[in-house]
Amino acid sequence: MWLNVIGWTATAVFSSSYFFKEAATLRRIQAAAATLWVLYGVLIHSAPVVVANLIVGVAAVYTSLRFVLNKRAGG
């Protein structure tokens, strides 16, 4: 039961990211959804789900941080 809740919540969170106009917000929401997917992957013992969503989460966080740092530097 809880596995389904986590999986469907991750799907809903990820899908909702497309309704936000700001790229930074979209990335933060995608990072949160990826975290839920990683949790789901761990619970179902699926390395591909864990690794794929770690990549998505790291990319979302990295690009968000890069954007913030470039903005602060005036670039």
Protein backbone atom coordinates (compact mmCIF):
# COMPACT_ATOMS: atom_id res chain seq x y z
CA MET A 1 0.00 0.00 0.00
CA TRP A 2 2.63 2.57 1.06
CA LEU A 3 4.80 1.73 -1.92
CA ASN A 4 1.96 2.70 -4.24
CA VAL A 5 1.41 5.94 -2.33
CA ILE A 6 5.09 6.88 -2.64
CA GLY A 7 5.20 6.00 -6.35
CA TRP A 8 2.02 7.89 -7.24
CA THR A 9 3.05 10.88 -5.09
CA ALA A 10 6.41 11.02 -6.86
CA THR A 11 4.61 10.94 -10.20
CA ALA A 12 2.23 13.73 -9.15
CA VAL A 13 5.03 15.92 -7.76
CA PHE A 14 7.14 15.48 -10.89
CA SER A 15 4.19 16.20 -13.19
CA SER A 16 3.23 19.30 -11.22
CA SER A 17 6.65 20.83 -11.89
CA TYR A 18 5.58 21.62 -15.45
CA PHE A 19 2.90 24.03 -14.20
CA PHE A 20 5.46 26.48 -12.80
CA LYS A 21 6.86 29.26 -14.95
CA GLU A 22 10.19 29.80 -13.22
CA ALA A 23 12.89 27.33 -14.20
CA ALA A 24 14.37 27.34 -10.70
CA THR A 25 11.04 26.30 -9.19
CA LEU A 26 10.62 23.57 -11.79
CA ARG A 27 14.07 22.19 -10.95
CA ARG A 28 13.46 22.25 -7.20
CA ILE A 29 10.21 20.36 -7.60
CA GLN A 30 11.86 17.85 -9.93
CA ALA A 31 14.63 17.34 -7.36
CA ALA A 32 12.01 16.68 -4.67
CA ALA A 33 10.20 14.22 -6.93
CA ALA A 34 13.48 12.48 -7.75
CA THR A 35 14.09 12.09 -4.02
CA LEU A 36 10.72 10.37 -3.67
CA TRP A 37 11.56 8.13 -6.62
CA VAL A 38 14.90 7.22 -5.03
CA LEU A 39 13.05 6.27 -1.84
CA TYR A 40 10.62 4.20 -3.90
CA GLY A 41 13.49 2.52 -5.74
CA VAL A 42 15.24 1.64 -2.49
CA LEU A 43 12.05 0.17 -1.04
CA ILE A 44 11.44 -2.02 -4.09
CA HIS A 45 15.15 -2.89 -4.37
CA SER A 46 15.49 -1.48 -7.90
CA ALA A 47 18.95 -0.15 -8.67
CA PRO A 48 17.90 1.30 -12.07
CA VAL A 49 15.14 3.39 -10.44
CA VAL A 50 17.55 4.61 -7.74
CA VAL A 51 20.41 5.44 -10.11
CA ALA A 52 18.24 7.10 -12.76
CA ASN A 53 16.59 9.34 -10.21
CA LEU A 54 19.84 10.15 -8.44
CA ILE A 55 21.06 11.42 -11.81
CA VAL A 56 17.89 13.48 -12.30
CA GLY A 57 18.04 14.86 -8.76
CA VAL A 58 21.72 15.77 -8.94
CA ALA A 59 21.24 17.43 -12.33
CA ALA A 60 18.28 19.45 -11.01
CA VAL A 61 20.18 20.61 -7.93
CA TYR A 62 23.37 21.33 -9.90
CA THR A 63 21.62 23.44 -12.52
CA SER A 64 19.69 25.32 -9.83
CA LEU A 65 22.88 26.10 -7.92
CA ARG A 66 24.71 27.05 -11.10
CA PHE A 67 21.92 29.47 -12.00
CA VAL A 68 21.98 31.07 -8.54
CA LEU A 69 25.77 31.41 -8.53
CA ASN A 70 25.80 32.92 -12.02
CA LYS A 71 23.09 35.36 -11.00
CA ARG A 72 25.08 36.46 -7.94
CA ALA A 73 28.22 36.88 -10.03
CA GLY A 74 26.35 39.18 -12.38
CA GLY A 75 26.37 36.74 -15.27
